[in-house]
């Protein structure tokens, strides 16, 4: 979505068409020797119509949500987060395995010392 559409609700081309139609209508009224009092009314009507188009366009832009590129970026970010979580879980498992090995060695060493010592009666 272009910057222009994101902030104004319509593209620059749509604005140019809107202005062109308004100018053509004013030119037509001027060429037909219409009352000059219509020019401010046509200008006001054109601006009101432009405001309505802008509001509808901005509402539609909010409803659309993410573009495909933004969605792909969000999905990639989520996958990177999951990879980070998986890597941290893997390192924690390695640390727990080391602690378990150390505890097993201590227990084996303690049971070996117990076998060497004579029993007290």
PDB file of N, CA and C in Angstrom:
ATOM      1  N   UNK A   1       0.848  -1.168   0.000  1.00  0.00           N
ATOM      2  CA  UNK A   1       0.000   0.000   0.000  1.00  0.00           C
ATOM      3  C   UNK A   1       0.894   1.232   0.000  1.00  0.00           C
ATOM      4  N   UNK A   2       0.568   2.171  -0.849  1.00  0.00           N
ATOM      5  CA  UNK A   2       1.387   3.367  -0.986  1.00  0.00           C
ATOM      6  C   UNK A   2       1.191   4.303   0.198  1.00  0.00           C
ATOM      7  N   UNK A   3       2.188   5.155   0.411  1.00  0.00           N
ATOM      8  CA  UNK A   3       2.117   6.139   1.499  1.00  0.00           C
ATOM      9  C   UNK A   3       0.908   7.033   1.301  1.00  0.00           C
ATOM     10  N   UNK A   4       0.681   7.435   0.053  1.00  0.00           N
ATOM     11  CA  UNK A   4      -0.422   8.341  -0.265  1.00  0.00           C
ATOM     12  C   UNK A   4      -1.759   7.718   0.135  1.00  0.00           C
ATOM     13  N   UNK A   5      -1.967   6.458  -0.247  1.00  0.00           N
ATOM     14  CA  UNK A   5      -3.238   5.789   0.065  1.00  0.00           C
ATOM     15  C   UNK A   5      -3.373   5.533   1.554  1.00  0.00           C
ATOM     16  N   UNK A   6      -2.269   5.203   2.224  1.00  0.00           N
ATOM     17  CA  UNK A   6      -2.324   4.923   3.655  1.00  0.00           C
ATOM     18  C   UNK A   6      -2.740   6.159   4.448  1.00  0.00           C
ATOM     19  N   UNK A   7      -2.328   7.370   4.013  1.00  0.00           N
ATOM     20  CA  UNK A   7      -2.619   8.590   4.759  1.00  0.00           C
ATOM     21  C   UNK A   7      -3.846   9.341   4.249  1.00  0.00           C
ATOM     22  N   UNK A   8      -4.136   9.249   2.954  1.00  0.00           N
ATOM     23  CA  UNK A   8      -5.242  10.016   2.400  1.00  0.00           C
ATOM     24  C   UNK A   8      -6.429   9.159   1.977  1.00  0.00           C
ATOM     25  N   UNK A   9      -6.283   7.849   2.002  1.00  0.00           N
ATOM     26  CA  UNK A   9      -7.395   6.967   1.690  1.00  0.00           C
ATOM     27  C   UNK A   9      -7.614   6.722   0.209  1.00  0.00           C
ATOM     28  N   UNK A  10      -7.028   7.556  -0.653  1.00  0.00           N
ATOM     29  CA  UNK A  10      -7.148   7.357  -2.102  1.00  0.00           C
ATOM     30  C   UNK A  10      -5.773   7.567  -2.724  1.00  0.00           C
ATOM     31  N   UNK A  11      -5.591   6.988  -3.894  1.00  0.00           N
ATOM     32  CA  UNK A  11      -4.325   7.161  -4.607  1.00  0.00           C
ATOM     33  C   UNK A  11      -4.254   8.550  -5.218  1.00  0.00           C
ATOM     34  N   UNK A  12      -3.052   8.953  -5.619  1.00  0.00           N
ATOM     35  CA  UNK A  12      -2.865  10.228  -6.290  1.00  0.00           C
ATOM     36  C   UNK A  12      -3.633  10.280  -7.603  1.00  0.00           C
ATOM     37  N   UNK A  13      -3.720   9.154  -8.306  1.00  0.00           N
ATOM     38  CA  UNK A  13      -4.471   9.089  -9.558  1.00  0.00           C
ATOM     39  C   UNK A  13      -5.956   9.333  -9.304  1.00  0.00           C
ATOM     40  N   UNK A  14      -6.494   8.707  -8.254  1.00  0.00           N
ATOM     41  CA  UNK A  14      -7.903   8.917  -7.909  1.00  0.00           C
ATOM     42  C   UNK A  14      -8.169  10.382  -7.586  1.00  0.00           C
ATOM     43  N   UNK A  15      -7.239  11.007  -6.883  1.00  0.00           N
ATOM     44  CA  UNK A  15      -7.397  12.431  -6.572  1.00  0.00           C
ATOM     45  C   UNK A  15      -7.371  13.275  -7.843  1.00  0.00           C
ATOM     46  N   UNK A  16      -6.468  12.938  -8.762  1.00  0.00           N
ATOM     47  CA  UNK A  16      -6.390  13.673 -10.027  1.00  0.00           C
ATOM     48  C   UNK A  16      -7.676  13.514 -10.831  1.00  0.00           C
ATOM     49  N   UNK A  17      -8.254  12.315 -10.867  1.00  0.00           N
ATOM     50  CA  UNK A  17      -9.517  12.088 -11.564  1.00  0.00           C
ATOM     51  C   UNK A  17     -10.631  12.894 -10.899  1.00  0.00           C
ATOM     52  N   UNK A  18     -10.653  12.895  -9.579  1.00  0.00           N
ATOM     53  CA  UNK A  18     -11.676  13.647  -8.845  1.00  0.00           C
ATOM     54  C   UNK A  18     -11.585  15.137  -9.175  1.00  0.00           C
ATOM     55  N   UNK A  19     -10.383  15.665  -9.137  1.00  0.00           N
ATOM     56  CA  UNK A  19     -10.181  17.092  -9.459  1.00  0.00           C
ATOM     57  C   UNK A  19     -10.545  17.357 -10.918  1.00  0.00           C
ATOM     58  N   UNK A  20     -10.159  16.453 -11.817  1.00  0.00           N
ATOM     59  CA  UNK A  20     -10.475  16.621 -13.238  1.00  0.00           C
ATOM     60  C   UNK A  20     -11.966  16.659 -13.500  1.00  0.00           C
ATOM     61  N   UNK A  21     -12.713  15.753 -12.874  1.00  0.00           N
ATOM     62  CA  UNK A  21     -14.166  15.733 -13.059  1.00  0.00           C
ATOM     63  C   UNK A  21     -14.786  17.020 -12.514  1.00  0.00           C
ATOM     64  N   UNK A  22     -14.300  17.485 -11.373  1.00  0.00           N
ATOM     65  CA  UNK A  22     -14.824  18.726 -10.794  1.00  0.00           C
ATOM     66  C   UNK A  22     -14.550  19.910 -11.714  1.00  0.00           C
ATOM     67  N   UNK A  23     -13.333  19.987 -12.243  1.00  0.00           N
ATOM     68  CA  UNK A  23     -12.979  21.094 -13.150  1.00  0.00           C
ATOM     69  C   UNK A  23     -13.802  21.015 -14.432  1.00  0.00           C
ATOM     70  N   UNK A  24     -13.995  19.817 -14.968  1.00  0.00           N
ATOM     71  CA  UNK A  24     -14.800  19.678 -16.190  1.00  0.00           C
ATOM     72  C   UNK A  24     -16.245  20.103 -15.940  1.00  0.00           C
ATOM     73  N   UNK A  25     -16.793  19.726 -14.786  1.00  0.00           N
ATOM     74  CA  UNK A  25     -18.154  20.132 -14.454  1.00  0.00           C
ATOM     75  C   UNK A  25     -18.258  21.654 -14.333  1.00  0.00           C
ATOM     76  N   UNK A  26     -17.277  22.259 -13.696  1.00  0.00           N
ATOM     77  CA  UNK A  26     -17.282  23.724 -13.557  1.00  0.00           C
ATOM     78  C   UNK A  26     -17.118  24.395 -14.920  1.00  0.00           C
ATOM     79  N   UNK A  27     -16.277  23.823 -15.766  1.00  0.00           N
ATOM     80  CA  UNK A  27     -16.083  24.368 -17.113  1.00  0.00           C
ATOM     81  C   UNK A  27     -17.371  24.268 -17.921  1.00  0.00           C
ATOM     82  N   UNK A  28     -18.049  23.136 -17.799  1.00  0.00           N
ATOM     83  CA  UNK A  28     -19.312  22.945 -18.512  1.00  0.00           C
ATOM     84  C   UNK A  28     -20.338  23.992 -18.079  1.00  0.00           C
ATOM     85  N   UNK A  29     -20.449  24.204 -16.768  1.00  0.00           N
ATOM     86  CA  UNK A  29     -21.402  25.206 -16.267  1.00  0.00           C
ATOM     87  C   UNK A  29     -20.995  26.594 -16.746  1.00  0.00           C
ATOM     88  N   UNK A  30     -19.705  26.882 -16.769  1.00  0.00           N
ATOM     89  CA  UNK A  30     -19.225  28.180 -17.239  1.00  0.00           C
ATOM     90  C   UNK A  30     -19.479  28.390 -18.716  1.00  0.00           C
ATOM     91  N   UNK A  31     -19.298  27.346 -19.512  1.00  0.00           N
ATOM     92  CA  UNK A  31     -19.511  27.468 -20.959  1.00  0.00           C
ATOM     93  C   UNK A  31     -20.991  27.606 -21.305  1.00  0.00           C
ATOM     94  N   UNK A  32     -21.858  27.049 -20.513  1.00  0.00           N
ATOM     95  CA  UNK A  32     -23.288  27.118 -20.760  1.00  0.00           C
ATOM     96  C   UNK A  32     -23.907  28.386 -20.167  1.00  0.00           C
ATOM     97  N   UNK A  33     -23.060  29.300 -19.742  1.00  0.00           N
ATOM     98  CA  UNK A  33     -23.505  30.545 -19.128  1.00  0.00           C
ATOM     99  C   UNK A  33     -24.432  30.293 -17.944  1.00  0.00           C
ATOM    100  N   UNK A  34     -24.056  29.297 -17.149  1.00  0.00           N
ATOM    101  CA  UNK A  34     -24.829  28.995 -15.946  1.00  0.00           C
ATOM    102  C   UNK A  34     -24.569  30.043 -14.870  1.00  0.00           C
ATOM    103  N   UNK A  35     -25.363  30.002 -13.837  1.00  0.00           N
ATOM    104  CA  UNK A  35     -25.177  30.997 -12.775  1.00  0.00           C
ATOM    105  C   UNK A  35     -23.841  30.790 -12.052  1.00  0.00           C
ATOM    106  N   UNK A  36     -23.172  31.890 -11.785  1.00  0.00           N
ATOM    107  CA  UNK A  36     -21.870  31.821 -11.121  1.00  0.00           C
ATOM    108  C   UNK A  36     -21.998  31.379  -9.668  1.00  0.00           C
ATOM    109  N   UNK A  37     -23.180  31.434  -9.131  1.00  0.00           N
ATOM    110  CA  UNK A  37     -23.398  30.995  -7.750  1.00  0.00           C
ATOM    111  C   UNK A  37     -23.210  29.481  -7.606  1.00  0.00           C
ATOM    112  N   UNK A  38     -23.216  28.750  -8.717  1.00  0.00           N
ATOM    113  CA  UNK A  38     -23.026  27.293  -8.661  1.00  0.00           C
ATOM    114  C   UNK A  38     -21.565  26.907  -8.391  1.00  0.00           C
ATOM    115  N   UNK A  39     -20.619  27.767  -8.728  1.00  0.00           N
ATOM    116  CA  UNK A  39     -19.198  27.409  -8.559  1.00  0.00           C
ATOM    117  C   UNK A  39     -18.839  27.101  -7.103  1.00  0.00           C
ATOM    118  N   UNK A  40     -19.214  27.957  -6.132  1.00  0.00           N
ATOM    119  CA  UNK A  40     -18.901  27.589  -4.743  1.00  0.00           C
ATOM    120  C   UNK A  40     -19.646  26.337  -4.293  1.00  0.00           C
ATOM    121  N   UNK A  41     -20.871  26.147  -4.769  1.00  0.00           N
ATOM    122  CA  UNK A  41     -21.630  24.945  -4.403  1.00  0.00           C
ATOM    123  C   UNK A  41     -20.983  23.687  -4.983  1.00  0.00           C
ATOM    124  N   UNK A  42     -20.536  23.772  -6.241  1.00  0.00           N
ATOM    125  CA  UNK A  42     -19.867  22.617  -6.853  1.00  0.00           C
ATOM    126  C   UNK A  42     -18.552  22.316  -6.134  1.00  0.00           C
ATOM    127  N   UNK A  43     -17.819  23.369  -5.758  1.00  0.00           N
ATOM    128  CA  UNK A  43     -16.560  23.172  -5.033  1.00  0.00           C
ATOM    129  C   UNK A  43     -16.832  22.521  -3.683  1.00  0.00           C
ATOM    130  N   UNK A  44     -17.823  23.007  -2.962  1.00  0.00           N
ATOM    131  CA  UNK A  44     -18.164  22.429  -1.658  1.00  0.00           C
ATOM    132  C   UNK A  44     -18.626  20.985  -1.809  1.00  0.00           C
ATOM    133  N   UNK A  45     -19.470  20.731  -2.807  1.00  0.00           N
ATOM    134  CA  UNK A  45     -19.934  19.362  -3.041  1.00  0.00           C
ATOM    135  C   UNK A  45     -18.783  18.430  -3.381  1.00  0.00           C
ATOM    136  N   UNK A  46     -17.845  18.918  -4.185  1.00  0.00           N
ATOM    137  CA  UNK A  46     -16.685  18.111  -4.546  1.00  0.00           C
ATOM    138  C   UNK A  46     -15.831  17.791  -3.324  1.00  0.00           C
ATOM    139  N   UNK A  47     -15.647  18.780  -2.454  1.00  0.00           N
ATOM    140  CA  UNK A  47     -14.849  18.555  -1.243  1.00  0.00           C
ATOM    141  C   UNK A  47     -15.549  17.591  -0.282  1.00  0.00           C
ATOM    142  N   UNK A  48     -16.867  17.706  -0.165  1.00  0.00           N
ATOM    143  CA  UNK A  48     -17.611  16.770   0.683  1.00  0.00           C
ATOM    144  C   UNK A  48     -17.498  15.352   0.126  1.00  0.00           C
ATOM    145  N   UNK A  49     -17.669  15.211  -1.185  1.00  0.00           N
ATOM    146  CA  UNK A  49     -17.532  13.900  -1.809  1.00  0.00           C
ATOM    147  C   UNK A  49     -16.117  13.342  -1.617  1.00  0.00           C
ATOM    148  N   UNK A  50     -15.114  14.207  -1.733  1.00  0.00           N
ATOM    149  CA  UNK A  50     -13.731  13.776  -1.509  1.00  0.00           C
ATOM    150  C   UNK A  50     -13.530  13.317  -0.066  1.00  0.00           C
ATOM    151  N   UNK A  51     -14.124  14.038   0.882  1.00  0.00           N
ATOM    152  CA  UNK A  51     -14.007  13.638   2.289  1.00  0.00           C
ATOM    153  C   UNK A  51     -14.668  12.284   2.532  1.00  0.00           C
ATOM    154  N   UNK A  52     -15.802  12.049   1.913  1.00  0.00           N
ATOM    155  CA  UNK A  52     -16.481  10.760   2.067  1.00  0.00           C
ATOM    156  C   UNK A  52     -15.645   9.642   1.458  1.00  0.00           C
ATOM    157  N   UNK A  53     -15.111   9.878   0.255  1.00  0.00           N
ATOM    158  CA  UNK A  53     -14.251   8.869  -0.385  1.00  0.00           C
ATOM    159  C   UNK A  53     -13.024   8.575   0.471  1.00  0.00           C
ATOM    160  N   UNK A  54     -12.454   9.627   1.082  1.00  0.00           N
ATOM    161  CA  UNK A  54     -11.271   9.452   1.935  1.00  0.00           C
ATOM    162  C   UNK A  54     -11.615   8.596   3.143  1.00  0.00           C
ATOM    163  N   UNK A  55     -12.739   8.895   3.792  1.00  0.00           N
ATOM    164  CA  UNK A  55     -13.129   8.144   4.982  1.00  0.00           C
ATOM    165  C   UNK A  55     -13.376   6.673   4.651  1.00  0.00           C
ATOM    166  N   UNK A  56     -14.081   6.423   3.551  1.00  0.00           N
ATOM    167  CA  UNK A  56     -14.344   5.042   3.127  1.00  0.00           C
ATOM    168  C   UNK A  56     -13.031   4.340   2.777  1.00  0.00           C
ATOM    169  N   UNK A  57     -12.141   5.052   2.087  1.00  0.00           N
ATOM    170  CA  UNK A  57     -10.857   4.456   1.715  1.00  0.00           C
ATOM    171  C   UNK A  57      -9.998   4.124   2.920  1.00  0.00           C
ATOM    172  N   UNK A  58      -9.964   5.015   3.909  1.00  0.00           N
ATOM    173  CA  UNK A  58      -9.174   4.742   5.114  1.00  0.00           C
ATOM    174  C   UNK A  58      -9.775   3.592   5.910  1.00  0.00           C
ATOM    175  N   UNK A  59     -11.111   3.527   5.963  1.00  0.00           N
ATOM    176  CA  UNK A  59     -11.767   2.432   6.679  1.00  0.00           C
ATOM    177  C   UNK A  59     -11.477   1.104   5.988  1.00  0.00           C
ATOM    178  N   UNK A  60     -11.500   1.106   4.660  1.00  0.00           N
ATOM    179  CA  UNK A  60     -11.211  -0.103   3.897  1.00  0.00           C
ATOM    180  C   UNK A  60      -9.758  -0.522   4.089  1.00  0.00           C
ATOM    181  N   UNK A  61      -8.860   0.452   4.150  1.00  0.00           N
ATOM    182  CA  UNK A  61      -7.437   0.134   4.344  1.00  0.00           C
ATOM    183  C   UNK A  61      -7.214  -0.495   5.709  1.00  0.00           C
ATOM    184  N   UNK A  62      -7.953  -0.037   6.728  1.00  0.00           N
ATOM    185  CA  UNK A  62      -7.833  -0.630   8.058  1.00  0.00           C
ATOM    186  C   UNK A  62      -8.397  -2.037   8.076  1.00  0.00           C
ATOM    187  N   UNK A  63      -9.460  -2.269   7.314  1.00  0.00           N
ATOM    188  CA  UNK A  63     -10.093  -3.585   7.299  1.00  0.00           C
ATOM    189  C   UNK A  63      -9.250  -4.616   6.568  1.00  0.00           C
ATOM    190  N   UNK A  64      -8.474  -4.178   5.581  1.00  0.00           N
ATOM    191  CA  UNK A  64      -7.674  -5.112   4.795  1.00  0.00           C
ATOM    192  C   UNK A  64      -6.616  -5.771   5.652  1.00  0.00           C
ATOM    193  N   UNK A  65      -5.971  -5.004   6.515  1.00  0.00           N
ATOM    194  CA  UNK A  65      -4.951  -5.562   7.388  1.00  0.00           C
ATOM    195  C   UNK A  65      -3.594  -5.628   6.716  1.00  0.00           C
ATOM    196  N   UNK A  66      -2.930  -6.748   6.884  1.00  0.00           N
ATOM    197  CA  UNK A  66      -1.571  -6.898   6.393  1.00  0.00           C
ATOM    198  C   UNK A  66      -1.548  -7.256   4.915  1.00  0.00           C
ATOM    199  N   UNK A  67      -0.573  -6.709   4.210  1.00  0.00           N
ATOM    200  CA  UNK A  67      -0.356  -7.117   2.825  1.00  0.00           C
ATOM    201  C   UNK A  67       0.399  -8.432   2.840  1.00  0.00           C
ATOM    202  N   UNK A  68       0.547  -9.037   1.688  1.00  0.00           N
ATOM    203  CA  UNK A  68       1.227 -10.332   1.631  1.00  0.00           C
ATOM    204  C   UNK A  68       2.690 -10.203   2.069  1.00  0.00           C
ATOM    205  N   UNK A  69       3.338  -9.093   1.715  1.00  0.00           N
ATOM    206  CA  UNK A  69       4.722  -8.893   2.144  1.00  0.00           C
ATOM    207  C   UNK A  69       4.826  -8.710   3.641  1.00  0.00           C
ATOM    208  N   UNK A  70       3.892  -7.956   4.213  1.00  0.00           N
ATOM    209  CA  UNK A  70       3.896  -7.762   5.660  1.00  0.00           C
ATOM    210  C   UNK A  70       3.568  -9.066   6.374  1.00  0.00           C
ATOM    211  N   UNK A  71       2.666  -9.853   5.793  1.00  0.00           N
ATOM    212  CA  UNK A  71       2.306 -11.131   6.391  1.00  0.00           C
ATOM    213  C   UNK A  71       3.502 -12.080   6.363  1.00  0.00           C
ATOM    214  N   UNK A  72       4.239 -12.093   5.260  1.00  0.00           N
ATOM    215  CA  UNK A  72       5.420 -12.948   5.154  1.00  0.00           C
ATOM    216  C   UNK A  72       6.480 -12.509   6.161  1.00  0.00           C
ATOM    217  N   UNK A  73       6.643 -11.203   6.335  1.00  0.00           N
ATOM    218  CA  UNK A  73       7.616 -10.704   7.308  1.00  0.00           C
ATOM    219  C   UNK A  73       7.206 -11.076   8.726  1.00  0.00           C
ATOM    220  N   UNK A  74       5.916 -10.973   9.032  1.00  0.00           N
ATOM    221  CA  UNK A  74       5.435 -11.339  10.366  1.00  0.00           C
ATOM    222  C   UNK A  74       5.620 -12.834  10.604  1.00  0.00           C
ATOM    223  N   UNK A  75       5.349 -13.630   9.577  1.00  0.00           N
ATOM    224  CA  UNK A  75       5.515 -15.077   9.719  1.00  0.00           C
ATOM    225  C   UNK A  75       6.992 -15.448   9.906  1.00  0.00           C
ATOM    226  N   UNK A  76       7.866 -14.779   9.159  1.00  0.00           N
ATOM    227  CA  UNK A  76       9.300 -15.020   9.298  1.00  0.00           C
ATOM    228  C   UNK A  76       9.773 -14.636  10.697  1.00  0.00           C
ATOM    229  N   UNK A  77       9.270 -13.523  11.205  1.00  0.00           N
ATOM    230  CA  UNK A  77       9.638 -13.093  12.555  1.00  0.00           C
ATOM    231  C   UNK A  77       9.167 -14.111  13.592  1.00  0.00           C
ATOM    232  N   UNK A  78       7.958 -14.648  13.397  1.00  0.00           N
ATOM    233  CA  UNK A  78       7.444 -15.660  14.316  1.00  0.00           C
ATOM    234  C   UNK A  78       8.299 -16.927  14.272  1.00  0.00           C
ATOM    235  N   UNK A  79       8.706 -17.338  13.057  1.00  0.00           N
ATOM    236  CA  UNK A  79       9.558 -18.520  12.931  1.00  0.00           C
ATOM    237  C   UNK A  79      10.917 -18.306  13.592  1.00  0.00           C
ATOM    238  N   UNK A  80      11.479 -17.092  13.436  1.00  0.00           N
ATOM    239  CA  UNK A  80      12.753 -16.797  14.085  1.00  0.00           C
ATOM    240  C   UNK A  80      12.602 -16.842  15.602  1.00  0.00           C
ATOM    241  N   UNK A  81      11.466 -16.352  16.111  1.00  0.00           N
ATOM    242  CA  UNK A  81      11.221 -16.410  17.564  1.00  0.00           C
ATOM    243  C   UNK A  81      11.144 -17.856  18.031  1.00  0.00           C
ATOM    244  N   UNK A  82      10.434 -18.680  17.269  1.00  0.00           N
ATOM    245  CA  UNK A  82      10.326 -20.097  17.636  1.00  0.00           C
ATOM    246  C   UNK A  82      11.680 -20.785  17.600  1.00  0.00           C
ATOM    247  N   UNK A  83      12.498 -20.455  16.594  1.00  0.00           N
ATOM    248  CA  UNK A  83      13.853 -21.032  16.529  1.00  0.00           C
ATOM    249  C   UNK A  83      14.670 -20.635  17.749  1.00  0.00           C
ATOM    250  N   UNK A  84      14.563 -19.368  18.155  1.00  0.00           N
ATOM    251  CA  UNK A  84      15.272 -18.908  19.345  1.00  0.00           C
ATOM    252  C   UNK A  84      14.822 -19.650  20.589  1.00  0.00           C
ATOM    253  N   UNK A  85      13.503 -19.852  20.717  1.00  0.00           N
ATOM    254  CA  UNK A  85      12.977 -20.604  21.858  1.00  0.00           C
ATOM    255  C   UNK A  85      13.469 -22.045  21.834  1.00  0.00           C
ATOM    256  N   UNK A  86      13.485 -22.640  20.652  1.00  0.00           N
ATOM    257  CA  UNK A  86      13.949 -24.019  20.515  1.00  0.00           C
ATOM    258  C   UNK A  86      15.429 -24.141  20.865  1.00  0.00           C
ATOM    259  N   UNK A  87      16.233 -23.180  20.426  1.00  0.00           N
ATOM    260  CA  UNK A  87      17.658 -23.203  20.745  1.00  0.00           C
ATOM    261  C   UNK A  87      17.897 -23.043  22.241  1.00  0.00           C
ATOM    262  N   UNK A  88      17.132 -22.166  22.888  1.00  0.00           N
ATOM    263  CA  UNK A  88      17.308 -21.992  24.337  1.00  0.00           C
ATOM    264  C   UNK A  88      16.867 -23.250  25.082  1.00  0.00           C
ATOM    265  N   UNK A  89      15.793 -23.905  24.621  1.00  0.00           N
ATOM    266  CA  UNK A  89      15.359 -25.158  25.248  1.00  0.00           C
ATOM    267  C   UNK A  89      16.411 -26.246  25.054  1.00  0.00           C
ATOM    268  N   UNK A  90      17.015 -26.282  23.864  1.00  0.00           N
ATOM    269  CA  UNK A  90      18.059 -27.277  23.589  1.00  0.00           C
ATOM    270  C   UNK A  90      19.269 -27.072  24.499  1.00  0.00           C
ATOM    271  N   UNK A  91      19.681 -25.811  24.679  1.00  0.00           N
ATOM    272  CA  UNK A  91      20.835 -25.556  25.555  1.00  0.00           C
ATOM    273  C   UNK A  91      20.502 -25.908  27.002  1.00  0.00           C
ATOM    274  N   UNK A  92      19.249 -25.687  27.403  1.00  0.00           N
ATOM    275  CA  UNK A  92      18.851 -26.046  28.769  1.00  0.00           C
ATOM    276  C   UNK A  92      18.863 -27.563  28.949  1.00  0.00           C
ATOM    277  N   UNK A  93      18.426 -28.302  27.935  1.00  0.00           N
ATOM    278  CA  UNK A  93      18.462 -29.768  28.009  1.00  0.00           C
ATOM    279  C   UNK A  93      19.900 -30.260  28.125  1.00  0.00           C
ATOM    280  N   UNK A  94      20.822 -29.649  27.354  1.00  0.00           N
ATOM    281  CA  UNK A  94      22.236 -30.036  27.445  1.00  0.00           C
ATOM    282  C   UNK A  94      22.782 -29.779  28.851  1.00  0.00           C
ATOM    283  N   UNK A  95      22.419 -28.660  29.439  1.00  0.00           N
ATOM    284  CA  UNK A  95      22.878 -28.344  30.792  1.00  0.00           C
ATOM    285  C   UNK A  95      22.316 -29.351  31.804  1.00  0.00           C
ATOM    286  N   UNK A  96      21.039 -29.721  31.647  1.00  0.00           N
ATOM    287  CA  UNK A  96      20.441 -30.711  32.545  1.00  0.00           C
ATOM    288  C   UNK A  96      21.104 -32.080  32.386  1.00  0.00           C
ATOM    289  N   UNK A  97      21.465 -32.449  31.160  1.00  0.00           N
ATOM    290  CA  UNK A  97      22.169 -33.719  30.944  1.00  0.00           C
ATOM    291  C   UNK A  97      23.527 -33.715  31.645  1.00  0.00           C
ATOM    292  N   UNK A  98      24.239 -32.582  31.567  1.00  0.00           N
ATOM    293  CA  UNK A  98      25.531 -32.487  32.255  1.00  0.00           C
ATOM    294  C   UNK A  98      25.356 -32.618  33.765  1.00  0.00           C
ATOM    295  N   UNK A  99      24.333 -31.978  34.294  1.00  0.00           N
ATOM    296  CA  UNK A  99      24.079 -32.071  35.737  1.00  0.00           C
ATOM    297  C   UNK A  99      23.727 -33.501  36.136  1.00  0.00           C
ATOM    298  N   UNK A 100      22.941 -34.185  35.316  1.00  0.00           N
ATOM    299  CA  UNK A 100      22.574 -35.566  35.590  1.00  0.00           C
ATOM    300  C   UNK A 100      23.811 -36.464  35.565  1.00  0.00           C
ATOM    301  N   UNK A 101      24.680 -36.285  34.572  1.00  0.00           N
ATOM    302  CA  UNK A 101      25.923 -37.065  34.512  1.00  0.00           C
ATOM    303  C   UNK A 101      26.781 -36.816  35.746  1.00  0.00           C
ATOM    304  N   UNK A 102      26.901 -35.564  36.170  1.00  0.00           N
ATOM    305  CA  UNK A 102      27.698 -35.225  37.357  1.00  0.00           C
ATOM    306  C   UNK A 102      27.108 -35.892  38.605  1.00  0.00           C
ATOM    307  N   UNK A 103      25.758 -35.858  38.720  1.00  0.00           N
ATOM    308  CA  UNK A 103      25.105 -36.478  39.874  1.00  0.00           C
ATOM    309  C   UNK A 103      25.315 -37.980  39.861  1.00  0.00           C
ATOM    310  N   UNK A 104      25.229 -38.612  38.714  1.00  0.00           N
ATOM    311  CA  UNK A 104      25.461 -40.063  38.619  1.00  0.00           C
ATOM    312  C   UNK A 104      26.885 -40.412  39.023  1.00  0.00           C
ATOM    313  N   UNK A 105      27.857 -39.591  38.583  1.00  0.00           N
ATOM    314  CA  UNK A 105      29.257 -39.847  38.980  1.00  0.00           C
ATOM    315  C   UNK A 105      29.437 -39.708  40.488  1.00  0.00           C
ATOM    316  N   UNK A 106      28.815 -38.693  41.080  1.00  0.00           N
ATOM    317  CA  UNK A 106      28.903 -38.524  42.536  1.00  0.00           C
ATOM    318  C   UNK A 106      28.289 -39.706  43.267  1.00  0.00           C
ATOM    319  N   UNK A 107      27.140 -40.172  42.810  1.00  0.00           N
ATOM    320  CA  UNK A 107      26.500 -41.324  43.446  1.00  0.00           C
ATOM    321  C   UNK A 107      27.344 -42.582  43.281  1.00  0.00           C
ATOM    322  N   UNK A 108      27.922 -42.763  42.109  1.00  0.00           N
ATOM    323  CA  UNK A 108      28.769 -43.938  41.882  1.00  0.00           C
ATOM    324  C   UNK A 108      30.003 -43.868  42.771  1.00  0.00           C
ATOM    325  N   UNK A 109      30.570 -42.675  42.907  1.00  0.00           N
ATOM    326  CA  UNK A 109      31.751 -42.497  43.749  1.00  0.00           C
ATOM    327  C   UNK A 109      31.390 -42.741  45.217  1.00  0.00           C
ATOM    328  N   UNK A 110      30.253 -42.266  45.668  1.00  0.00           N
ATOM    329  CA  UNK A 110      29.828 -42.445  47.059  1.00  0.00           C
ATOM    330  C   UNK A 110      29.551 -43.913  47.345  1.00  0.00           C
ATOM    331  N   UNK A 111      28.928 -44.625  46.416  1.00  0.00           N
ATOM    332  CA  UNK A 111      28.659 -46.051  46.654  1.00  0.00           C
ATOM    333  C   UNK A 111      29.964 -46.845  46.625  1.00  0.00           C
ATOM    334  N   UNK A 112      30.946 -46.406  45.842  1.00  0.00           N
ATOM    335  CA  UNK A 112      32.246 -47.073  45.819  1.00  0.00           C
ATOM    336  C   UNK A 112      32.984 -46.869  47.148  1.00  0.00           C
ATOM    337  N   UNK A 113      32.894 -45.691  47.723  1.00  0.00           N
ATOM    338  CA  UNK A 113      33.531 -45.439  49.023  1.00  0.00           C
ATOM    339  C   UNK A 113      32.847 -46.241  50.120  1.00  0.00           C
ATOM    340  N   UNK A 114      31.535 -46.397  50.024  1.00  0.00           N
ATOM    341  CA  UNK A 114      30.792 -47.164  51.003  1.00  0.00           C
ATOM    342  C   UNK A 114      31.207 -48.634  50.964  1.00  0.00           C
ATOM    343  N   UNK A 115      31.517 -49.146  49.801  1.00  0.00           N
ATOM    344  CA  UNK A 115      31.931 -50.550  49.674  1.00  0.00           C
ATOM    345  C   UNK A 115      33.302 -50.750  50.286  1.00  0.00           C
ATOM    346  N   UNK A 116      34.178 -49.754  50.268  1.00  0.00           N
ATOM    347  CA  UNK A 116      35.514 -49.881  50.821  1.00  0.00           C
ATOM    348  C   UNK A 116      35.495 -49.812  52.336  1.00  0.00           C
ATOM    349  N   UNK A 117      34.672 -48.957  52.911  1.00  0.00           N
ATOM    350  CA  UNK A 117      34.612 -48.801  54.363  1.00  0.00           C
ATOM    351  C   UNK A 117      33.980 -50.028  55.021  1.00  0.00           C
ATOM    352  N   UNK A 118      34.571 -50.480  56.152  1.00  0.00           N
ATOM    353  CA  UNK A 118      33.951 -51.600  56.856  1.00  0.00           C
ATOM    354  C   UNK A 118      32.667 -51.156  57.553  1.00  0.00           C
ATOM    355  N   UNK A 119      31.761 -52.096  57.683  1.00  0.00           N
ATOM    356  CA  UNK A 119      30.500 -51.779  58.328  1.00  0.00           C
ATOM    357  C   UNK A 119      30.680 -51.741  59.820  1.00  0.00           C
ATOM    358  N   UNK A 120      30.030 -50.824  60.463  1.00  0.00           N
ATOM    359  CA  UNK A 120      30.087 -50.728  61.930  1.00  0.00           C
ATOM    360  C   UNK A 120      29.003 -51.574  62.542  1.00  0.00           C
ATOM    361  N   UNK A 121      29.387 -52.191  63.653  1.00  0.00           N
ATOM    362  CA  UNK A 121      28.404 -53.021  64.344  1.00  0.00           C
ATOM    363  C   UNK A 121      28.021 -52.419  65.630  1.00  0.00           C
TER     364      UNK A 121
END
